[in-house]
């Protein structure tokens, strides 16, 4: 029997390239992957919560409340920007229709 594919054979499993990052936890999100890469390849550890002071205590990427606050601040800024845009657009329509 002949094969139709002229593809080169795959290298054996022991010759396949491997990642230098050894995961201890299942990587359920991209954030977990980045945290593991930072820790293992670059030696960057997350600071303890007592090390976080000032605004970094409330807006950080290390703790869940810090991440939540960053998301809420982003959505809040987008909401305020959209509201200001629509109010400005409505005022512009009213002034152009009243002068005509």
PDB file of N, CA and C in Angstrom:
ATOM      1  N   UNK A   1       0.836  -1.173   0.000  1.00  0.00           N
ATOM      2  CA  UNK A   1       0.000   0.000   0.000  1.00  0.00           C
ATOM      3  C   UNK A   1       0.886   1.242   0.000  1.00  0.00           C
ATOM      4  N   UNK A   2       0.568   2.207  -0.826  1.00  0.00           N
ATOM      5  CA  UNK A   2       1.358   3.431  -0.903  1.00  0.00           C
ATOM      6  C   UNK A   2       0.594   4.564  -0.238  1.00  0.00           C
ATOM      7  N   UNK A   3       1.329   5.512   0.307  1.00  0.00           N
ATOM      8  CA  UNK A   3       0.696   6.673   0.934  1.00  0.00           C
ATOM      9  C   UNK A   3       0.653   7.820  -0.064  1.00  0.00           C
ATOM     10  N   UNK A   4      -0.369   8.596   0.003  1.00  0.00           N
ATOM     11  CA  UNK A   4      -0.531   9.728  -0.897  1.00  0.00           C
ATOM     12  C   UNK A   4       0.209  10.960  -0.409  1.00  0.00           C
ATOM     13  N   UNK A   5       0.460  11.034   0.860  1.00  0.00           N
ATOM     14  CA  UNK A   5       1.111  12.202   1.455  1.00  0.00           C
ATOM     15  C   UNK A   5       2.620  12.091   1.313  1.00  0.00           C
ATOM     16  N   UNK A   6       3.237  13.152   0.834  1.00  0.00           N
ATOM     17  CA  UNK A   6       4.694  13.204   0.702  1.00  0.00           C
ATOM     18  C   UNK A   6       5.308  14.031   1.834  1.00  0.00           C
ATOM     19  N   UNK A   7       4.603  14.118   2.966  1.00  0.00           N
ATOM     20  CA  UNK A   7       5.058  14.913   4.109  1.00  0.00           C
ATOM     21  C   UNK A   7       6.235  14.227   4.785  1.00  0.00           C
ATOM     22  N   UNK A   8       7.149  15.026   5.334  1.00  0.00           N
ATOM     23  CA  UNK A   8       8.231  14.395   6.092  1.00  0.00           C
ATOM     24  C   UNK A   8       7.683  13.791   7.382  1.00  0.00           C
ATOM     25  N   UNK A   9       8.326  12.762   7.836  1.00  0.00           N
ATOM     26  CA  UNK A   9       7.883  12.096   9.062  1.00  0.00           C
ATOM     27  C   UNK A   9       8.146  13.002  10.259  1.00  0.00           C
ATOM     28  N   UNK A  10       7.271  12.928  11.260  1.00  0.00           N
ATOM     29  CA  UNK A  10       7.451  13.697  12.487  1.00  0.00           C
ATOM     30  C   UNK A  10       8.619  13.132  13.277  1.00  0.00           C
ATOM     31  N   UNK A  11       9.368  14.003  13.954  1.00  0.00           N
ATOM     32  CA  UNK A  11      10.459  13.478  14.786  1.00  0.00           C
ATOM     33  C   UNK A  11       9.899  12.705  15.965  1.00  0.00           C
ATOM     34  N   UNK A  12      10.680  11.815  16.527  1.00  0.00           N
ATOM     35  CA  UNK A  12      10.205  11.071  17.697  1.00  0.00           C
ATOM     36  C   UNK A  12       9.895  12.021  18.856  1.00  0.00           C
ATOM     37  N   UNK A  13       9.099  11.541  19.808  1.00  0.00           N
ATOM     38  CA  UNK A  13       8.641  12.373  20.927  1.00  0.00           C
ATOM     39  C   UNK A  13       9.799  12.912  21.756  1.00  0.00           C
ATOM     40  N   UNK A  14      10.882  12.156  21.886  1.00  0.00           N
ATOM     41  CA  UNK A  14      11.999  12.638  22.702  1.00  0.00           C
ATOM     42  C   UNK A  14      12.802  13.723  21.978  1.00  0.00           C
ATOM     43  N   UNK A  15      12.590  13.934  20.707  1.00  0.00           N
ATOM     44  CA  UNK A  15      13.293  14.971  19.950  1.00  0.00           C
ATOM     45  C   UNK A  15      12.442  16.229  19.762  1.00  0.00           C
ATOM     46  N   UNK A  16      11.199  16.197  20.214  1.00  0.00           N
ATOM     47  CA  UNK A  16      10.319  17.349  20.056  1.00  0.00           C
ATOM     48  C   UNK A  16      10.783  18.472  20.977  1.00  0.00           C
ATOM     49  N   UNK A  17      10.651  19.740  20.543  1.00  0.00           N
ATOM     50  CA  UNK A  17      11.042  20.847  21.421  1.00  0.00           C
ATOM     51  C   UNK A  17      10.125  20.926  22.629  1.00  0.00           C
ATOM     52  N   UNK A  18      10.696  21.289  23.738  1.00  0.00           N
ATOM     53  CA  UNK A  18       9.921  21.388  24.975  1.00  0.00           C
ATOM     54  C   UNK A  18      10.000  22.817  25.502  1.00  0.00           C
ATOM     55  N   UNK A  19       9.038  23.163  26.319  1.00  0.00           N
ATOM     56  CA  UNK A  19       8.995  24.482  26.915  1.00  0.00           C
ATOM     57  C   UNK A  19       9.824  24.492  28.198  1.00  0.00           C
ATOM     58  N   UNK A  20      10.549  25.588  28.463  1.00  0.00           N
ATOM     59  CA  UNK A  20      11.295  25.658  29.720  1.00  0.00           C
ATOM     60  C   UNK A  20      10.398  25.898  30.924  1.00  0.00           C
ATOM     61  N   UNK A  21       9.134  26.227  30.690  1.00  0.00           N
ATOM     62  CA  UNK A  21       8.207  26.514  31.782  1.00  0.00           C
ATOM     63  C   UNK A  21       7.524  25.224  32.199  1.00  0.00           C
ATOM     64  N   UNK A  22       7.705  24.841  33.442  1.00  0.00           N
ATOM     65  CA  UNK A  22       7.048  23.656  33.999  1.00  0.00           C
ATOM     66  C   UNK A  22       5.866  24.145  34.826  1.00  0.00           C
ATOM     67  N   UNK A  23       4.675  23.813  34.401  1.00  0.00           N
ATOM     68  CA  UNK A  23       3.491  24.318  35.094  1.00  0.00           C
ATOM     69  C   UNK A  23       3.109  23.408  36.246  1.00  0.00           C
ATOM     70  N   UNK A  24       2.742  24.044  37.335  1.00  0.00           N
ATOM     71  CA  UNK A  24       2.286  23.307  38.503  1.00  0.00           C
ATOM     72  C   UNK A  24       0.779  23.307  38.594  1.00  0.00           C
ATOM     73  N   UNK A  25       0.163  24.284  37.961  1.00  0.00           N
ATOM     74  CA  UNK A  25      -1.286  24.423  38.021  1.00  0.00           C
ATOM     75  C   UNK A  25      -1.834  24.356  36.606  1.00  0.00           C
ATOM     76  N   UNK A  26      -3.069  23.918  36.449  1.00  0.00           N
ATOM     77  CA  UNK A  26      -3.642  23.957  35.098  1.00  0.00           C
ATOM     78  C   UNK A  26      -3.816  25.402  34.653  1.00  0.00           C
ATOM     79  N   UNK A  27      -3.347  25.697  33.459  1.00  0.00           N
ATOM     80  CA  UNK A  27      -3.416  27.066  32.966  1.00  0.00           C
ATOM     81  C   UNK A  27      -4.789  27.306  32.377  1.00  0.00           C
ATOM     82  N   UNK A  28      -5.666  27.913  33.173  1.00  0.00           N
ATOM     83  CA  UNK A  28      -7.042  28.119  32.743  1.00  0.00           C
ATOM     84  C   UNK A  28      -7.225  29.449  32.046  1.00  0.00           C
ATOM     85  N   UNK A  29      -6.224  30.317  32.092  1.00  0.00           N
ATOM     86  CA  UNK A  29      -6.348  31.601  31.415  1.00  0.00           C
ATOM     87  C   UNK A  29      -4.973  32.087  31.006  1.00  0.00           C
ATOM     88  N   UNK A  30      -4.964  33.073  30.145  1.00  0.00           N
ATOM     89  CA  UNK A  30      -3.715  33.656  29.684  1.00  0.00           C
ATOM     90  C   UNK A  30      -2.968  34.315  30.839  1.00  0.00           C
ATOM     91  N   UNK A  31      -3.713  34.882  31.795  1.00  0.00           N
ATOM     92  CA  UNK A  31      -3.086  35.525  32.945  1.00  0.00           C
ATOM     93  C   UNK A  31      -2.275  34.560  33.787  1.00  0.00           C
ATOM     94  N   UNK A  32      -2.801  33.339  33.970  1.00  0.00           N
ATOM     95  CA  UNK A  32      -2.049  32.331  34.710  1.00  0.00           C
ATOM     96  C   UNK A  32      -0.765  31.968  33.975  1.00  0.00           C
ATOM     97  N   UNK A  33      -0.844  31.862  32.655  1.00  0.00           N
ATOM     98  CA  UNK A  33       0.344  31.537  31.868  1.00  0.00           C
ATOM     99  C   UNK A  33       1.404  32.615  32.028  1.00  0.00           C
ATOM    100  N   UNK A  34       1.007  33.872  31.942  1.00  0.00           N
ATOM    101  CA  UNK A  34       1.953  34.977  32.085  1.00  0.00           C
ATOM    102  C   UNK A  34       2.580  34.971  33.474  1.00  0.00           C
ATOM    103  N   UNK A  35       1.773  34.719  34.495  1.00  0.00           N
ATOM    104  CA  UNK A  35       2.290  34.668  35.863  1.00  0.00           C
ATOM    105  C   UNK A  35       3.331  33.567  36.008  1.00  0.00           C
ATOM    106  N   UNK A  36       3.063  32.401  35.448  1.00  0.00           N
ATOM    107  CA  UNK A  36       4.018  31.291  35.533  1.00  0.00           C
ATOM    108  C   UNK A  36       5.298  31.601  34.774  1.00  0.00           C
ATOM    109  N   UNK A  37       5.183  32.208  33.604  1.00  0.00           N
ATOM    110  CA  UNK A  37       6.379  32.549  32.827  1.00  0.00           C
ATOM    111  C   UNK A  37       7.213  33.574  33.572  1.00  0.00           C
ATOM    112  N   UNK A  38       6.565  34.592  34.139  1.00  0.00           N
ATOM    113  CA  UNK A  38       7.298  35.588  34.913  1.00  0.00           C
ATOM    114  C   UNK A  38       8.038  34.943  36.076  1.00  0.00           C
ATOM    115  N   UNK A  39       7.351  34.040  36.768  1.00  0.00           N
ATOM    116  CA  UNK A  39       7.938  33.425  37.952  1.00  0.00           C
ATOM    117  C   UNK A  39       9.104  32.513  37.600  1.00  0.00           C
ATOM    118  N   UNK A  40       8.937  31.684  36.580  1.00  0.00           N
ATOM    119  CA  UNK A  40       9.942  30.672  36.295  1.00  0.00           C
ATOM    120  C   UNK A  40      11.088  31.180  35.428  1.00  0.00           C
ATOM    121  N   UNK A  41      10.794  31.957  34.404  1.00  0.00           N
ATOM    122  CA  UNK A  41      11.857  32.390  33.506  1.00  0.00           C
ATOM    123  C   UNK A  41      12.582  33.628  34.000  1.00  0.00           C
ATOM    124  N   UNK A  42      11.837  34.561  34.586  1.00  0.00           N
ATOM    125  CA  UNK A  42      12.439  35.828  34.973  1.00  0.00           C
ATOM    126  C   UNK A  42      12.626  35.979  36.475  1.00  0.00           C
ATOM    127  N   UNK A  43      12.119  35.047  37.263  1.00  0.00           N
ATOM    128  CA  UNK A  43      12.281  35.105  38.708  1.00  0.00           C
ATOM    129  C   UNK A  43      11.462  36.198  39.367  1.00  0.00           C
ATOM    130  N   UNK A  44      10.386  36.646  38.722  1.00  0.00           N
ATOM    131  CA  UNK A  44       9.546  37.714  39.266  1.00  0.00           C
ATOM    132  C   UNK A  44       8.431  37.078  40.083  1.00  0.00           C
ATOM    133  N   UNK A  45       8.412  37.351  41.349  1.00  0.00           N
ATOM    134  CA  UNK A  45       7.373  36.830  42.233  1.00  0.00           C
ATOM    135  C   UNK A  45       6.351  37.921  42.517  1.00  0.00           C
ATOM    136  N   UNK A  46       5.129  37.528  42.748  1.00  0.00           N
ATOM    137  CA  UNK A  46       4.088  38.486  43.103  1.00  0.00           C
ATOM    138  C   UNK A  46       4.383  39.040  44.501  1.00  0.00           C
ATOM    139  N   UNK A  47       4.218  40.346  44.688  1.00  0.00           N
ATOM    140  CA  UNK A  47       4.486  40.911  46.017  1.00  0.00           C
ATOM    141  C   UNK A  47       3.407  40.488  47.009  1.00  0.00           C
ATOM    142  N   UNK A  48       3.788  40.439  48.263  1.00  0.00           N
ATOM    143  CA  UNK A  48       2.809  40.140  49.315  1.00  0.00           C
ATOM    144  C   UNK A  48       1.855  41.331  49.430  1.00  0.00           C
ATOM    145  N   UNK A  49       0.664  41.072  49.933  1.00  0.00           N
ATOM    146  CA  UNK A  49      -0.334  42.145  50.007  1.00  0.00           C
ATOM    147  C   UNK A  49       0.115  43.282  50.921  1.00  0.00           C
ATOM    148  N   UNK A  50       0.989  43.002  51.894  1.00  0.00           N
ATOM    149  CA  UNK A  50       1.465  44.076  52.776  1.00  0.00           C
ATOM    150  C   UNK A  50       2.468  44.968  52.051  1.00  0.00           C
ATOM    151  N   UNK A  51       3.079  44.471  50.963  1.00  0.00           N
ATOM    152  CA  UNK A  51       4.041  45.283  50.208  1.00  0.00           C
ATOM    153  C   UNK A  51       3.347  46.285  49.298  1.00  0.00           C
ATOM    154  N   UNK A  52       2.085  46.070  49.007  1.00  0.00           N
ATOM    155  CA  UNK A  52       1.351  46.960  48.118  1.00  0.00           C
ATOM    156  C   UNK A  52       0.831  48.144  48.919  1.00  0.00           C
ATOM    157  N   UNK A  53       1.243  49.343  48.538  1.00  0.00           N
ATOM    158  CA  UNK A  53       0.818  50.546  49.247  1.00  0.00           C
ATOM    159  C   UNK A  53       0.264  51.547  48.252  1.00  0.00           C
ATOM    160  N   UNK A  54      -0.463  52.510  48.762  1.00  0.00           N
ATOM    161  CA  UNK A  54      -1.009  53.571  47.917  1.00  0.00           C
ATOM    162  C   UNK A  54      -2.053  53.026  46.958  1.00  0.00           C
ATOM    163  N   UNK A  55      -2.101  53.600  45.758  1.00  0.00           N
ATOM    164  CA  UNK A  55      -3.104  53.184  44.769  1.00  0.00           C
ATOM    165  C   UNK A  55      -2.822  51.781  44.254  1.00  0.00           C
ATOM    166  N   UNK A  56      -1.576  51.294  44.370  1.00  0.00           N
ATOM    167  CA  UNK A  56      -1.246  49.938  43.917  1.00  0.00           C
ATOM    168  C   UNK A  56      -1.941  48.872  44.770  1.00  0.00           C
ATOM    169  N   UNK A  57      -2.327  49.265  45.973  1.00  0.00           N
ATOM    170  CA  UNK A  57      -3.046  48.331  46.844  1.00  0.00           C
ATOM    171  C   UNK A  57      -4.422  48.014  46.270  1.00  0.00           C
ATOM    172  N   UNK A  58      -5.031  48.986  45.571  1.00  0.00           N
ATOM    173  CA  UNK A  58      -6.385  48.815  45.054  1.00  0.00           C
ATOM    174  C   UNK A  58      -6.432  48.491  43.570  1.00  0.00           C
ATOM    175  N   UNK A  59      -5.389  48.851  42.818  1.00  0.00           N
ATOM    176  CA  UNK A  59      -5.330  48.587  41.379  1.00  0.00           C
ATOM    177  C   UNK A  59      -4.035  47.851  41.074  1.00  0.00           C
ATOM    178  N   UNK A  60      -4.106  46.520  41.012  1.00  0.00           N
ATOM    179  CA  UNK A  60      -2.921  45.718  40.705  1.00  0.00           C
ATOM    180  C   UNK A  60      -3.341  44.488  39.916  1.00  0.00           C
ATOM    181  N   UNK A  61      -2.366  43.770  39.390  1.00  0.00           N
ATOM    182  CA  UNK A  61      -2.670  42.568  38.612  1.00  0.00           C
ATOM    183  C   UNK A  61      -2.362  41.298  39.398  1.00  0.00           C
ATOM    184  N   UNK A  62      -2.063  41.433  40.673  1.00  0.00           N
ATOM    185  CA  UNK A  62      -1.684  40.273  41.470  1.00  0.00           C
ATOM    186  C   UNK A  62      -2.844  39.683  42.260  1.00  0.00           C
ATOM    187  N   UNK A  63      -3.769  40.516  42.697  1.00  0.00           N
ATOM    188  CA  UNK A  63      -4.878  40.027  43.513  1.00  0.00           C
ATOM    189  C   UNK A  63      -6.189  40.142  42.740  1.00  0.00           C
ATOM    190  N   UNK A  64      -7.138  39.303  43.097  1.00  0.00           N
ATOM    191  CA  UNK A  64      -8.440  39.349  42.422  1.00  0.00           C
ATOM    192  C   UNK A  64      -9.164  40.680  42.635  1.00  0.00           C
ATOM    193  N   UNK A  65      -9.191  41.222  43.875  1.00  0.00           N
ATOM    194  CA  UNK A  65      -9.829  42.537  44.029  1.00  0.00           C
ATOM    195  C   UNK A  65      -9.121  43.628  43.221  1.00  0.00           C
ATOM    196  N   UNK A  66      -7.809  43.552  43.110  1.00  0.00           N
ATOM    197  CA  UNK A  66      -7.066  44.534  42.315  1.00  0.00           C
ATOM    198  C   UNK A  66      -7.421  44.445  40.846  1.00  0.00           C
ATOM    199  N   UNK A  67      -7.529  43.228  40.328  1.00  0.00           N
ATOM    200  CA  UNK A  67      -7.928  43.045  38.927  1.00  0.00           C
ATOM    201  C   UNK A  67      -9.353  43.537  38.708  1.00  0.00           C
ATOM    202  N   UNK A  68     -10.233  43.208  39.649  1.00  0.00           N
ATOM    203  CA  UNK A  68     -11.626  43.636  39.537  1.00  0.00           C
ATOM    204  C   UNK A  68     -11.711  45.155  39.505  1.00  0.00           C
ATOM    205  N   UNK A  69     -10.957  45.833  40.358  1.00  0.00           N
ATOM    206  CA  UNK A  69     -10.986  47.289  40.384  1.00  0.00           C
ATOM    207  C   UNK A  69     -10.472  47.879  39.076  1.00  0.00           C
ATOM    208  N   UNK A  70      -9.471  47.253  38.462  1.00  0.00           N
ATOM    209  CA  UNK A  70      -8.981  47.727  37.164  1.00  0.00           C
ATOM    210  C   UNK A  70     -10.060  47.592  36.098  1.00  0.00           C
ATOM    211  N   UNK A  71     -10.767  46.473  36.106  1.00  0.00           N
ATOM    212  CA  UNK A  71     -11.842  46.260  35.136  1.00  0.00           C
ATOM    213  C   UNK A  71     -12.962  47.267  35.357  1.00  0.00           C
ATOM    214  N   UNK A  72     -13.365  47.457  36.604  1.00  0.00           N
ATOM    215  CA  UNK A  72     -14.445  48.403  36.891  1.00  0.00           C
ATOM    216  C   UNK A  72     -14.053  49.836  36.524  1.00  0.00           C
ATOM    217  N   UNK A  73     -12.809  50.199  36.768  1.00  0.00           N
ATOM    218  CA  UNK A  73     -12.351  51.539  36.397  1.00  0.00           C
ATOM    219  C   UNK A  73     -12.358  51.704  34.878  1.00  0.00           C
ATOM    220  N   UNK A  74     -11.943  50.681  34.158  1.00  0.00           N
ATOM    221  CA  UNK A  74     -11.951  50.745  32.694  1.00  0.00           C
ATOM    222  C   UNK A  74     -13.368  50.897  32.169  1.00  0.00           C
ATOM    223  N   UNK A  75     -14.291  50.074  32.667  1.00  0.00           N
ATOM    224  CA  UNK A  75     -15.687  50.182  32.236  1.00  0.00           C
ATOM    225  C   UNK A  75     -16.282  51.530  32.634  1.00  0.00           C
ATOM    226  N   UNK A  76     -15.931  52.031  33.799  1.00  0.00           N
ATOM    227  CA  UNK A  76     -16.435  53.329  34.236  1.00  0.00           C
ATOM    228  C   UNK A  76     -15.964  54.449  33.326  1.00  0.00           C
ATOM    229  N   UNK A  77     -14.693  54.424  32.958  1.00  0.00           N
ATOM    230  CA  UNK A  77     -14.152  55.447  32.055  1.00  0.00           C
ATOM    231  C   UNK A  77     -14.837  55.372  30.696  1.00  0.00           C
ATOM    232  N   UNK A  78     -15.035  54.162  30.192  1.00  0.00           N
ATOM    233  CA  UNK A  78     -15.725  54.003  28.910  1.00  0.00           C
ATOM    234  C   UNK A  78     -17.167  54.514  28.991  1.00  0.00           C
ATOM    235  N   UNK A  79     -17.853  54.217  30.093  1.00  0.00           N
ATOM    236  CA  UNK A  79     -19.232  54.670  30.265  1.00  0.00           C
ATOM    237  C   UNK A  79     -19.336  56.179  30.338  1.00  0.00           C
ATOM    238  N   UNK A  80     -18.454  56.810  31.108  1.00  0.00           N
ATOM    239  CA  UNK A  80     -18.469  58.271  31.234  1.00  0.00           C
ATOM    240  C   UNK A  80     -18.142  58.919  29.892  1.00  0.00           C
ATOM    241  N   UNK A  81     -17.180  58.347  29.162  1.00  0.00           N
ATOM    242  CA  UNK A  81     -16.820  58.884  27.851  1.00  0.00           C
ATOM    243  C   UNK A  81     -17.994  58.780  26.878  1.00  0.00           C
ATOM    244  N   UNK A  82     -18.670  57.631  26.862  1.00  0.00           N
ATOM    245  CA  UNK A  82     -19.820  57.446  25.974  1.00  0.00           C
ATOM    246  C   UNK A  82     -20.948  58.407  26.348  1.00  0.00           C
ATOM    247  N   UNK A  83     -21.208  58.574  27.644  1.00  0.00           N
ATOM    248  CA  UNK A  83     -22.265  59.484  28.085  1.00  0.00           C
ATOM    249  C   UNK A  83     -21.939  60.924  27.673  1.00  0.00           C
ATOM    250  N   UNK A  84     -20.703  61.340  27.859  1.00  0.00           N
ATOM    251  CA  UNK A  84     -20.307  62.701  27.482  1.00  0.00           C
ATOM    252  C   UNK A  84     -20.435  62.895  25.969  1.00  0.00           C
ATOM    253  N   UNK A  85     -20.056  61.882  25.198  1.00  0.00           N
ATOM    254  CA  UNK A  85     -20.160  61.976  23.741  1.00  0.00           C
ATOM    255  C   UNK A  85     -21.612  62.127  23.305  1.00  0.00           C
ATOM    256  N   UNK A  86     -22.496  61.286  23.837  1.00  0.00           N
ATOM    257  CA  UNK A  86     -23.899  61.351  23.435  1.00  0.00           C
ATOM    258  C   UNK A  86     -24.560  62.650  23.894  1.00  0.00           C
ATOM    259  N   UNK A  87     -24.193  63.146  25.068  1.00  0.00           N
ATOM    260  CA  UNK A  87     -24.754  64.418  25.522  1.00  0.00           C
ATOM    261  C   UNK A  87     -24.276  65.558  24.626  1.00  0.00           C
ATOM    262  N   UNK A  88     -23.009  65.530  24.259  1.00  0.00           N
ATOM    263  CA  UNK A  88     -22.469  66.575  23.379  1.00  0.00           C
ATOM    264  C   UNK A  88     -23.123  66.508  22.002  1.00  0.00           C
ATOM    265  N   UNK A  89     -23.325  65.300  21.497  1.00  0.00           N
ATOM    266  CA  UNK A  89     -23.956  65.116  20.191  1.00  0.00           C
ATOM    267  C   UNK A  89     -25.414  65.596  20.213  1.00  0.00           C
ATOM    268  N   UNK A  90     -26.114  65.318  21.325  1.00  0.00           N
ATOM    269  CA  UNK A  90     -27.504  65.750  21.459  1.00  0.00           C
ATOM    270  C   UNK A  90     -27.584  67.275  21.511  1.00  0.00           C
ATOM    271  N   UNK A  91     -26.689  67.926  22.252  1.00  0.00           N
ATOM    272  CA  UNK A  91     -26.660  69.393  22.324  1.00  0.00           C
ATOM    273  C   UNK A  91     -26.376  69.996  20.952  1.00  0.00           C
ATOM    274  N   UNK A  92     -25.501  69.362  20.197  1.00  0.00           N
ATOM    275  CA  UNK A  92     -25.147  69.864  18.874  1.00  0.00           C
ATOM    276  C   UNK A  92     -26.360  69.792  17.940  1.00  0.00           C
ATOM    277  N   UNK A  93     -27.148  68.708  18.028  1.00  0.00           N
ATOM    278  CA  UNK A  93     -28.350  68.565  17.199  1.00  0.00           C
ATOM    279  C   UNK A  93     -29.402  69.613  17.566  1.00  0.00           C
ATOM    280  N   UNK A  94     -29.553  69.866  18.880  1.00  0.00           N
ATOM    281  CA  UNK A  94     -30.552  70.839  19.338  1.00  0.00           C
ATOM    282  C   UNK A  94     -30.200  72.255  18.871  1.00  0.00           C
ATOM    283  N   UNK A  95     -28.945  72.633  18.940  1.00  0.00           N
ATOM    284  CA  UNK A  95     -28.545  73.983  18.542  1.00  0.00           C
ATOM    285  C   UNK A  95     -28.639  74.169  17.040  1.00  0.00           C
ATOM    286  N   UNK A  96     -28.329  73.122  16.274  1.00  0.00           N
ATOM    287  CA  UNK A  96     -28.423  73.255  14.816  1.00  0.00           C
ATOM    288  C   UNK A  96     -29.880  73.279  14.363  1.00  0.00           C
ATOM    289  N   UNK A  97     -30.779  72.561  15.019  1.00  0.00           N
ATOM    290  CA  UNK A  97     -32.193  72.557  14.632  1.00  0.00           C
ATOM    291  C   UNK A  97     -32.900  73.837  15.093  1.00  0.00           C
ATOM    292  N   UNK A  98     -32.486  74.434  16.182  1.00  0.00           N
ATOM    293  CA  UNK A  98     -33.133  75.674  16.658  1.00  0.00           C
ATOM    294  C   UNK A  98     -32.703  76.878  15.842  1.00  0.00           C
ATOM    295  N   UNK A  99     -31.520  76.868  15.258  1.00  0.00           N
ATOM    296  CA  UNK A  99     -31.064  77.985  14.447  1.00  0.00           C
ATOM    297  C   UNK A  99     -31.608  77.905  13.027  1.00  0.00           C
ATOM    298  N   UNK A 100     -32.036  76.729  12.595  1.00  0.00           N
ATOM    299  CA  UNK A 100     -32.517  76.586  11.226  1.00  0.00           C
ATOM    300  C   UNK A 100     -33.964  76.996  11.073  1.00  0.00           C
TER     301      UNK A 100
END
